Structures are given as C-alpha cells and as structure tokens.
C-alpha cells in the first residue's frame, strides 16, 4: 500500500501559503503565455520546449541551493514514484498543450483543474487525510462552477 510519511509538526504559521498562491499565479501565466507561444508551433514541440526550460530551471535551483549531492541519498522507492509523477506530468502537459492550442483557454483551464477531484479522493481514501464537510462543500462548488464554465463558455 502507498503510505504518506507522517509530518512531525503541523505548520501553524502556514509558511506554505505564499508558495501555493505563487503556484496559482504561475499556473495562470503558464496558460496565458502558453496559448500565445503555441499559436504556430506544433503542440508536442511546444511541450518539449517547455519541458526543457523547466528541466534547466529545476536543476539550476537544485545546484544553487547546494542540494545536488542529496540525489545519491534518495531512496529508490521514492525515485520510482517521482519518475512516475514525471511521466504523469509529461502526459498531462502533452494533453494540455494540445487542448490550449486547439481550444479556448478559458474552457480548457477549468477542465484541467478538475484534477482536484482525483487528488482529494486519493488523499482521502489512500492517505486517510480528513475531508471536512466544509471542504467537501467547497469541492462540490468548485466542480459545479467548473462544469458551468465549461458548458456555458
């Protein structure tokens, strides 16, 4: 069974919050810049270019922070799951770039974000993370709103 490592202490200061907001901002920029940049570029080529840039940036950050040596200490099971995550990311990006190239970004992006259903369900059933009634209500509203945006766009 897949297990999530227990965290030692709950982050009461929410130091992760600025990063989550940054993720949302950069994801929005990804959609906008991607749509502009992929206009006359084949979607798979666009994905490959984007992936190359991400690869260079990621390794640059690893080495600037002095974390490159930690690679040899990484557990092989963790490497397998990170690699599988990379495959899923690549497949997602290929589908996404084709969709934004041939579709309407304001419709594609909300549909793409429906991945929240799978993420929340997986974390609930596999990782045994709690899902409050308020969180469930919020999830339902996100899904209904997303479907409304996709249907009536």
N, C-alpha and C. Protein backbone atom coordinates (compact mmCIF):
# COMPACT_ATOMS: atom_id res chain seq x y z
N UNK A 1 0.83 -1.18 0.00
CA UNK A 1 0.00 0.00 0.00
C UNK A 1 0.88 1.25 0.00
N UNK A 2 0.39 2.27 -0.60
CA UNK A 2 1.11 3.54 -0.65
C UNK A 2 0.89 4.25 0.67
N UNK A 3 1.96 4.70 1.28
CA UNK A 3 1.84 5.40 2.55
C UNK A 3 2.47 6.77 2.46
N UNK A 4 1.82 7.71 3.10
CA UNK A 4 2.37 9.06 3.19
C UNK A 4 3.12 9.15 4.51
N UNK A 5 4.32 9.70 4.46
CA UNK A 5 5.08 9.87 5.69
C UNK A 5 4.38 10.86 6.60
N UNK A 6 4.39 10.56 7.87
CA UNK A 6 3.80 11.46 8.86
C UNK A 6 4.69 12.69 9.01
N UNK A 7 4.06 13.84 9.10
CA UNK A 7 4.82 15.05 9.35
C UNK A 7 4.94 15.22 10.85
N UNK A 8 6.06 15.74 11.29
CA UNK A 8 6.32 15.85 12.73
C UNK A 8 5.45 16.89 13.40
N UNK A 9 5.30 18.02 12.81
CA UNK A 9 4.51 19.08 13.43
C UNK A 9 3.67 19.75 12.37
N UNK A 10 2.49 20.18 12.79
CA UNK A 10 1.61 20.88 11.87
C UNK A 10 2.13 22.30 11.66
N UNK A 11 2.08 22.75 10.44
CA UNK A 11 2.59 24.08 10.09
C UNK A 11 1.53 25.12 10.46
N UNK A 12 1.55 25.57 11.69
CA UNK A 12 0.55 26.54 12.15
C UNK A 12 0.81 27.94 11.59
N UNK A 13 2.02 28.19 11.14
CA UNK A 13 2.34 29.51 10.58
C UNK A 13 1.98 29.59 9.10
N UNK A 14 1.60 28.48 8.52
CA UNK A 14 1.22 28.42 7.11
C UNK A 14 2.30 29.01 6.19
N UNK A 15 3.52 28.58 6.41
CA UNK A 15 4.62 29.07 5.57
C UNK A 15 4.47 28.63 4.12
N UNK A 16 3.66 27.62 3.89
CA UNK A 16 3.42 27.10 2.55
C UNK A 16 2.48 27.99 1.75
N UNK A 17 1.70 28.83 2.41
CA UNK A 17 0.65 29.60 1.74
C UNK A 17 1.18 30.52 0.62
N UNK A 18 2.24 31.29 0.85
CA UNK A 18 2.74 32.12 -0.27
C UNK A 18 3.16 31.28 -1.48
N UNK A 19 3.67 30.08 -1.23
CA UNK A 19 4.06 29.21 -2.33
C UNK A 19 2.84 28.69 -3.08
N UNK A 20 1.77 28.39 -2.36
CA UNK A 20 0.52 27.95 -3.00
C UNK A 20 -0.06 29.07 -3.86
N UNK A 21 -0.02 30.28 -3.35
CA UNK A 21 -0.50 31.44 -4.12
C UNK A 21 0.40 31.65 -5.34
N UNK A 22 1.70 31.56 -5.14
CA UNK A 22 2.64 31.67 -6.26
C UNK A 22 2.37 30.60 -7.31
N UNK A 23 2.08 29.39 -6.87
CA UNK A 23 1.75 28.32 -7.80
C UNK A 23 0.54 28.67 -8.65
N UNK A 24 -0.48 29.23 -8.02
CA UNK A 24 -1.70 29.62 -8.76
C UNK A 24 -1.39 30.72 -9.77
N UNK A 25 -0.60 31.71 -9.35
CA UNK A 25 -0.26 32.82 -10.25
C UNK A 25 0.56 32.30 -11.44
N UNK A 26 1.58 31.48 -11.15
CA UNK A 26 2.41 30.96 -12.23
C UNK A 26 1.64 30.00 -13.13
N UNK A 27 0.71 29.23 -12.57
CA UNK A 27 -0.12 28.35 -13.39
C UNK A 27 -0.97 29.17 -14.36
N UNK A 28 -1.50 30.29 -13.87
CA UNK A 28 -2.28 31.17 -14.75
C UNK A 28 -1.40 31.73 -15.86
N UNK A 29 -0.20 32.16 -15.50
CA UNK A 29 0.73 32.67 -16.51
C UNK A 29 1.10 31.58 -17.52
N UNK A 30 1.23 30.34 -17.03
CA UNK A 30 1.53 29.22 -17.92
C UNK A 30 0.49 29.10 -19.01
N UNK A 31 -0.77 29.20 -18.62
CA UNK A 31 -1.87 29.09 -19.60
C UNK A 31 -1.84 30.23 -20.60
N UNK A 32 -1.70 31.44 -20.09
CA UNK A 32 -1.74 32.62 -20.96
C UNK A 32 -0.53 32.65 -21.89
N UNK A 33 0.67 32.51 -21.33
CA UNK A 33 1.88 32.55 -22.15
C UNK A 33 1.94 31.36 -23.11
N UNK A 34 1.48 30.20 -22.63
CA UNK A 34 1.46 29.01 -23.48
C UNK A 34 0.56 29.19 -24.69
N UNK A 35 -0.62 29.75 -24.47
CA UNK A 35 -1.57 29.98 -25.58
C UNK A 35 -0.97 30.93 -26.61
N UNK A 36 -0.31 31.98 -26.14
CA UNK A 36 0.32 32.94 -27.06
C UNK A 36 1.48 32.28 -27.81
N UNK A 37 2.30 31.53 -27.07
CA UNK A 37 3.51 30.95 -27.66
C UNK A 37 3.27 29.77 -28.58
N UNK A 38 2.16 29.09 -28.42
CA UNK A 38 1.95 27.86 -29.18
C UNK A 38 1.10 28.07 -30.43
N UNK A 39 0.79 29.31 -30.73
CA UNK A 39 -0.09 29.61 -31.87
C UNK A 39 0.36 28.93 -33.16
N UNK A 40 1.62 29.05 -33.52
CA UNK A 40 2.11 28.47 -34.77
C UNK A 40 3.16 27.38 -34.54
N UNK A 41 3.14 26.77 -33.35
CA UNK A 41 4.09 25.71 -33.01
C UNK A 41 3.29 24.44 -32.73
N UNK A 42 3.73 23.32 -33.28
CA UNK A 42 3.07 22.04 -33.04
C UNK A 42 3.06 21.78 -31.53
N UNK A 43 1.95 21.28 -31.00
CA UNK A 43 1.78 21.19 -29.55
C UNK A 43 2.81 20.30 -28.87
N UNK A 44 3.21 19.18 -29.48
CA UNK A 44 4.22 18.31 -28.86
C UNK A 44 5.59 19.00 -28.81
N UNK A 45 5.92 19.75 -29.87
CA UNK A 45 7.17 20.51 -29.87
C UNK A 45 7.13 21.59 -28.79
N UNK A 46 6.00 22.27 -28.66
CA UNK A 46 5.85 23.27 -27.62
C UNK A 46 6.03 22.67 -26.23
N UNK A 47 5.46 21.49 -26.03
CA UNK A 47 5.62 20.80 -24.74
C UNK A 47 7.08 20.44 -24.50
N UNK A 48 7.77 19.98 -25.53
CA UNK A 48 9.19 19.62 -25.39
C UNK A 48 10.03 20.84 -25.04
N UNK A 49 9.76 21.96 -25.69
CA UNK A 49 10.50 23.20 -25.39
C UNK A 49 10.25 23.61 -23.94
N UNK A 50 8.98 23.61 -23.56
CA UNK A 50 8.62 23.98 -22.18
C UNK A 50 9.30 23.05 -21.18
N UNK A 51 9.29 21.76 -21.46
CA UNK A 51 9.89 20.78 -20.56
C UNK A 51 11.39 21.01 -20.43
N UNK A 52 12.04 21.34 -21.53
CA UNK A 52 13.48 21.64 -21.49
C UNK A 52 13.78 22.83 -20.60
N UNK A 53 12.96 23.86 -20.71
CA UNK A 53 13.15 25.05 -19.87
C UNK A 53 12.94 24.70 -18.39
N UNK A 54 11.89 23.92 -18.11
CA UNK A 54 11.62 23.50 -16.72
C UNK A 54 12.79 22.67 -16.19
N UNK A 55 13.31 21.77 -17.01
CA UNK A 55 14.43 20.92 -16.61
C UNK A 55 15.65 21.76 -16.22
N UNK A 56 16.00 22.71 -17.07
CA UNK A 56 17.15 23.58 -16.79
C UNK A 56 16.92 24.38 -15.51
N UNK A 57 15.73 24.98 -15.38
CA UNK A 57 15.43 25.78 -14.19
C UNK A 57 15.49 24.95 -12.91
N UNK A 58 14.91 23.75 -12.96
CA UNK A 58 14.87 22.90 -11.76
C UNK A 58 16.28 22.52 -11.30
N UNK A 59 17.13 22.07 -12.24
CA UNK A 59 18.49 21.70 -11.87
C UNK A 59 19.30 22.92 -11.43
N UNK A 60 19.06 24.06 -12.04
CA UNK A 60 19.74 25.29 -11.63
C UNK A 60 19.42 25.61 -10.17
N UNK A 61 18.16 25.51 -9.81
CA UNK A 61 17.75 25.77 -8.42
C UNK A 61 18.37 24.76 -7.47
N UNK A 62 18.38 23.47 -7.86
CA UNK A 62 18.98 22.43 -7.02
C UNK A 62 20.44 22.75 -6.75
N UNK A 63 21.19 23.10 -7.77
CA UNK A 63 22.62 23.34 -7.59
C UNK A 63 22.90 24.67 -6.90
N UNK A 64 22.12 25.69 -7.17
CA UNK A 64 22.30 26.98 -6.49
C UNK A 64 22.06 26.81 -4.99
N UNK A 65 21.09 25.96 -4.62
CA UNK A 65 20.81 25.72 -3.21
C UNK A 65 21.75 24.68 -2.60
N UNK A 66 22.64 24.12 -3.40
CA UNK A 66 23.61 23.15 -2.89
C UNK A 66 23.00 21.81 -2.53
N UNK A 67 21.95 21.40 -3.22
CA UNK A 67 21.25 20.15 -2.88
C UNK A 67 21.56 19.01 -3.83
N UNK A 68 22.42 19.21 -4.81
CA UNK A 68 22.73 18.19 -5.81
C UNK A 68 23.26 16.90 -5.22
N UNK A 69 24.05 16.99 -4.16
CA UNK A 69 24.65 15.80 -3.55
C UNK A 69 23.60 14.90 -2.89
N UNK A 70 22.43 15.45 -2.57
CA UNK A 70 21.39 14.66 -1.92
C UNK A 70 20.78 13.61 -2.84
N UNK A 71 21.01 13.73 -4.13
CA UNK A 71 20.45 12.77 -5.08
C UNK A 71 20.90 11.35 -4.78
N UNK A 72 22.17 11.18 -4.44
CA UNK A 72 22.67 9.83 -4.19
C UNK A 72 22.10 9.21 -2.91
N UNK A 73 21.54 10.03 -2.02
CA UNK A 73 20.95 9.53 -0.78
C UNK A 73 19.44 9.31 -0.89
N UNK A 74 18.88 9.56 -2.06
CA UNK A 74 17.44 9.43 -2.24
C UNK A 74 17.07 7.96 -2.37
N UNK A 75 16.05 7.56 -1.62
CA UNK A 75 15.57 6.18 -1.60
C UNK A 75 15.07 5.78 -2.99
N UNK A 76 15.38 4.55 -3.41
CA UNK A 76 14.99 4.11 -4.76
C UNK A 76 13.47 4.06 -4.93
N UNK A 77 12.74 3.73 -3.87
CA UNK A 77 11.27 3.71 -3.95
C UNK A 77 10.75 5.12 -4.22
N UNK A 78 11.34 6.10 -3.55
CA UNK A 78 10.95 7.49 -3.78
C UNK A 78 11.26 7.92 -5.20
N UNK A 79 12.41 7.49 -5.72
CA UNK A 79 12.78 7.83 -7.10
C UNK A 79 11.78 7.25 -8.09
N UNK A 80 11.30 6.02 -7.82
CA UNK A 80 10.31 5.40 -8.71
C UNK A 80 9.04 6.24 -8.75
N UNK A 81 8.56 6.66 -7.58
CA UNK A 81 7.33 7.46 -7.54
C UNK A 81 7.53 8.85 -8.14
N UNK A 82 8.70 9.42 -7.95
CA UNK A 82 9.00 10.71 -8.58
C UNK A 82 9.04 10.55 -10.10
N UNK A 83 9.63 9.46 -10.58
CA UNK A 83 9.68 9.20 -12.02
C UNK A 83 8.27 8.98 -12.58
N UNK A 84 7.44 8.22 -11.87
CA UNK A 84 6.06 8.02 -12.30
C UNK A 84 5.30 9.34 -12.33
N UNK A 85 5.57 10.19 -11.34
CA UNK A 85 4.97 11.52 -11.32
C UNK A 85 5.42 12.32 -12.54
N UNK A 86 6.68 12.18 -12.91
CA UNK A 86 7.19 12.86 -14.09
C UNK A 86 6.51 12.39 -15.37
N UNK A 87 6.26 11.09 -15.46
CA UNK A 87 5.55 10.55 -16.62
C UNK A 87 4.13 11.11 -16.67
N UNK A 88 3.46 11.14 -15.52
CA UNK A 88 2.11 11.70 -15.46
C UNK A 88 2.12 13.18 -15.83
N UNK A 89 3.12 13.90 -15.35
CA UNK A 89 3.25 15.33 -15.68
C UNK A 89 3.42 15.52 -17.18
N UNK A 90 4.30 14.73 -17.77
CA UNK A 90 4.52 14.82 -19.22
C UNK A 90 3.25 14.54 -20.01
N UNK A 91 2.53 13.50 -19.62
CA UNK A 91 1.27 13.17 -20.31
C UNK A 91 0.26 14.30 -20.14
N UNK A 92 0.20 14.85 -18.94
CA UNK A 92 -0.72 15.97 -18.67
C UNK A 92 -0.36 17.17 -19.54
N UNK A 93 0.92 17.49 -19.61
CA UNK A 93 1.37 18.65 -20.40
C UNK A 93 1.08 18.45 -21.89
N UNK A 94 1.30 17.23 -22.39
CA UNK A 94 1.02 16.97 -23.81
C UNK A 94 -0.46 17.18 -24.11
N UNK A 95 -1.31 16.66 -23.25
CA UNK A 95 -2.76 16.85 -23.42
C UNK A 95 -3.14 18.32 -23.28
N UNK A 96 -2.55 18.97 -22.29
CA UNK A 96 -2.87 20.36 -22.00
C UNK A 96 -2.49 21.28 -23.16
N UNK A 97 -1.28 21.12 -23.67
CA UNK A 97 -0.82 21.98 -24.75
C UNK A 97 -1.65 21.78 -26.01
N UNK A 98 -2.01 20.53 -26.31
CA UNK A 98 -2.88 20.29 -27.46
C UNK A 98 -4.22 20.98 -27.24
N UNK A 99 -4.74 20.87 -26.02
CA UNK A 99 -6.04 21.47 -25.71
C UNK A 99 -6.03 22.99 -25.82
N UNK A 100 -4.99 23.64 -25.27
CA UNK A 100 -4.99 25.11 -25.35
C UNK A 100 -4.68 25.60 -26.76
N UNK A 101 -3.95 24.79 -27.53
CA UNK A 101 -3.67 25.18 -28.91
C UNK A 101 -4.94 25.12 -29.75
N UNK A 102 -5.76 24.12 -29.52
CA UNK A 102 -6.93 23.89 -30.36
C UNK A 102 -8.24 24.28 -29.71
N UNK A 103 -8.19 24.67 -28.45
CA UNK A 103 -9.42 25.02 -27.74
C UNK A 103 -9.38 26.43 -27.19
N UNK A 104 -10.32 26.69 -26.34
CA UNK A 104 -10.45 28.00 -25.70
C UNK A 104 -9.85 27.89 -24.29
N UNK A 105 -8.85 28.71 -24.00
CA UNK A 105 -8.14 28.63 -22.72
C UNK A 105 -9.10 28.74 -21.54
N UNK A 106 -10.07 29.64 -21.63
CA UNK A 106 -10.99 29.84 -20.50
C UNK A 106 -11.89 28.64 -20.26
N UNK A 107 -11.94 27.70 -21.20
CA UNK A 107 -12.68 26.46 -21.01
C UNK A 107 -11.72 25.33 -20.63
N UNK A 108 -10.56 25.28 -21.27
CA UNK A 108 -9.59 24.21 -21.02
C UNK A 108 -9.07 24.26 -19.58
N UNK A 109 -8.72 25.44 -19.10
CA UNK A 109 -8.11 25.56 -17.77
C UNK A 109 -9.03 25.03 -16.67
N UNK A 110 -10.31 25.42 -16.62
CA UNK A 110 -11.16 24.85 -15.57
C UNK A 110 -11.30 23.33 -15.66
N UNK A 111 -11.40 22.81 -16.87
CA UNK A 111 -11.49 21.36 -17.02
C UNK A 111 -10.22 20.70 -16.50
N UNK A 112 -9.07 21.28 -16.82
CA UNK A 112 -7.78 20.77 -16.34
C UNK A 112 -7.75 20.75 -14.81
N UNK A 113 -8.35 21.75 -14.20
CA UNK A 113 -8.33 21.86 -12.74
C UNK A 113 -9.27 20.86 -12.06
N UNK A 114 -10.10 20.16 -12.83
CA UNK A 114 -10.94 19.11 -12.24
C UNK A 114 -10.09 17.97 -11.68
N UNK A 115 -8.80 18.01 -11.94
CA UNK A 115 -7.90 17.02 -11.34
C UNK A 115 -7.98 17.08 -9.82
N UNK A 116 -8.51 18.16 -9.29
CA UNK A 116 -8.68 18.28 -7.84
C UNK A 116 -9.54 17.15 -7.29
N UNK A 117 -10.50 16.66 -8.07
CA UNK A 117 -11.36 15.57 -7.62
C UNK A 117 -10.53 14.32 -7.36
N UNK A 118 -9.68 13.97 -8.30
CA UNK A 118 -8.84 12.78 -8.16
C UNK A 118 -7.86 12.97 -7.00
N UNK A 119 -7.26 14.15 -6.90
CA UNK A 119 -6.30 14.41 -5.83
C UNK A 119 -6.93 14.31 -4.45
N UNK A 120 -8.10 14.92 -4.28
CA UNK A 120 -8.77 14.88 -2.98
C UNK A 120 -9.25 13.47 -2.66
N UNK A 121 -9.82 12.77 -3.63
CA UNK A 121 -10.29 11.40 -3.40
C UNK A 121 -9.13 10.49 -3.03
N UNK A 122 -8.02 10.61 -3.75
CA UNK A 122 -6.85 9.79 -3.46
C UNK A 122 -6.31 10.08 -2.07
N UNK A 123 -6.20 11.35 -1.72
CA UNK A 123 -5.67 11.70 -0.40
C UNK A 123 -6.61 11.22 0.71
N UNK A 124 -7.91 11.21 0.44
CA UNK A 124 -8.89 10.76 1.44
C UNK A 124 -8.84 9.24 1.62
N UNK A 125 -8.91 8.51 0.51
CA UNK A 125 -9.01 7.05 0.59
C UNK A 125 -7.66 6.37 0.82
N UNK A 126 -6.60 6.87 0.23
CA UNK A 126 -5.31 6.20 0.33
C UNK A 126 -4.47 6.75 1.48
N UNK A 127 -4.38 8.08 1.58
CA UNK A 127 -3.57 8.68 2.64
C UNK A 127 -4.34 8.88 3.93
N UNK A 128 -5.66 8.63 3.88
CA UNK A 128 -6.53 8.77 5.06
C UNK A 128 -6.54 10.20 5.61
N UNK A 129 -6.39 11.17 4.71
CA UNK A 129 -6.49 12.57 5.12
C UNK A 129 -7.96 12.90 5.34
N UNK A 130 -8.21 13.78 6.29
CA UNK A 130 -9.58 14.14 6.62
C UNK A 130 -10.15 15.10 5.59
N UNK A 131 -11.46 14.99 5.36
CA UNK A 131 -12.17 15.89 4.46
C UNK A 131 -13.40 16.38 5.23
N UNK A 132 -13.32 17.61 5.70
CA UNK A 132 -14.42 18.16 6.48
C UNK A 132 -15.63 18.41 5.58
N UNK A 133 -16.77 18.60 6.20
CA UNK A 133 -17.98 18.91 5.43
C UNK A 133 -17.81 20.22 4.67
N UNK A 134 -17.16 21.19 5.30
CA UNK A 134 -16.92 22.47 4.63
C UNK A 134 -16.03 22.28 3.40
N UNK A 135 -14.99 21.46 3.55
CA UNK A 135 -14.10 21.21 2.43
C UNK A 135 -14.83 20.46 1.32
N UNK A 136 -15.67 19.50 1.69
CA UNK A 136 -16.46 18.77 0.70
C UNK A 136 -17.42 19.71 -0.02
N UNK A 137 -18.05 20.60 0.73
CA UNK A 137 -18.96 21.59 0.11
C UNK A 137 -18.18 22.48 -0.86
N UNK A 138 -16.99 22.90 -0.46
CA UNK A 138 -16.15 23.71 -1.34
C UNK A 138 -15.76 22.96 -2.60
N UNK A 139 -15.41 21.68 -2.43
CA UNK A 139 -15.05 20.85 -3.58
C UNK A 139 -16.23 20.72 -4.54
N UNK A 140 -17.41 20.50 -4.00
CA UNK A 140 -18.61 20.40 -4.85
C UNK A 140 -18.84 21.70 -5.60
N UNK A 141 -18.66 22.83 -4.91
CA UNK A 141 -18.85 24.13 -5.58
C UNK A 141 -17.82 24.34 -6.69
N UNK A 142 -16.59 23.92 -6.45
CA UNK A 142 -15.55 24.03 -7.49
C UNK A 142 -15.95 23.21 -8.71
N UNK A 143 -16.40 21.99 -8.47
CA UNK A 143 -16.78 21.10 -9.58
C UNK A 143 -17.98 21.68 -10.34
N UNK A 144 -19.00 22.12 -9.61
CA UNK A 144 -20.19 22.68 -10.26
C UNK A 144 -19.81 23.94 -11.05
N UNK A 145 -19.00 24.81 -10.45
CA UNK A 145 -18.57 26.03 -11.13
C UNK A 145 -17.74 25.72 -12.37
N UNK A 146 -16.86 24.74 -12.26
CA UNK A 146 -16.02 24.35 -13.39
C UNK A 146 -16.88 23.81 -14.53
N UNK A 147 -17.82 22.95 -14.19
CA UNK A 147 -18.70 22.40 -15.22
C UNK A 147 -19.53 23.50 -15.86
N UNK A 148 -19.99 24.44 -15.06
CA UNK A 148 -20.77 25.57 -15.61
C UNK A 148 -19.92 26.38 -16.59
N UNK A 149 -18.67 26.65 -16.21
CA UNK A 149 -17.77 27.41 -17.09
C UNK A 149 -17.52 26.66 -18.40
N UNK A 150 -17.34 25.34 -18.30
CA UNK A 150 -17.05 24.54 -19.48
C UNK A 150 -18.26 24.41 -20.40
N UNK A 151 -19.43 24.26 -19.80
CA UNK A 151 -20.65 24.04 -20.59
C UNK A 151 -21.14 25.33 -21.24
N UNK A 152 -21.12 26.43 -20.50
CA UNK A 152 -21.72 27.67 -20.99
C UNK A 152 -20.72 28.68 -21.53
N UNK A 153 -19.50 28.24 -21.79
CA UNK A 153 -18.48 29.17 -22.29
C UNK A 153 -18.72 29.53 -23.73
